[in-house]
């Protein structure tokens, strides 16, 4: 993991603080002594329109963007990430925010068939061009995505999946990595995060279904897609040096209630 500095009591805004990663991240940062502002519609901040954002950014030293789009339709997801990132970076520039940390996806630049991942690349480009000191953390698929992947790939009672390799990571490890990154100096680069072990996509879903009692068959189909995108063994795994989480998939499964 990246080293942390000795600074405490930073005021940090989490965009998407009510989501899976946002809640875990807020708890870690508060435990470390930081003051957290959660920016979401429930807190009176609309990041798509920018309403309430200028008030929320007052006194903020760092921002962590873990937002996710409510729609996965190609144009909608692109517009969401463009709007939210543009609004955040605009107010951060005016307020003199020292560090912008964004959560992205490993393989964003290697899966052009995916409208979602094309939108994440557009978001990354906005961050890199904005002038606010930044660190982008690309994470692999979370363990928590297994149910959604199984549901999406279900055809006539069978999960049709490619046998592509992946390197999934626990959401707890993602939150821990982000907490360490935002507590350190901006890297001004993209870093990648993956789980401690690689696994084929069909095995990832199959092990989840076994523990969850799904009882569905897995059909390996080279022509099957991952949420509509063609993938191979290089698509969903970090390339080169990467930060690795510590939680193993089977241990995570063994400690879950389905």
Foldseek 3Di string as FASTA:
>chain_A
DDAFDPDAAAEEEEEVLVDPLNVLLVVVNVVRHYHYDYADVVSVADLLVRGPVLVSCARHQEYEYPDAFPDQPLVRLLSRLVRNLVSVLVSCVVRVHAEYEYEAAFQLVPFVQGSNSVSRVVNVVCVLPSPHQYEYEHEFAALVCLVVQQVVQDDPQEREEAQAKAFHHHSSQVSVVVNRQRSHHRPSYYAYEGEPDMGTPQVSNVVLCVLQVVPGHYHHDQPDARVRIRDHRNRRYDDDDHHYGDDDSVNVSVPDDD
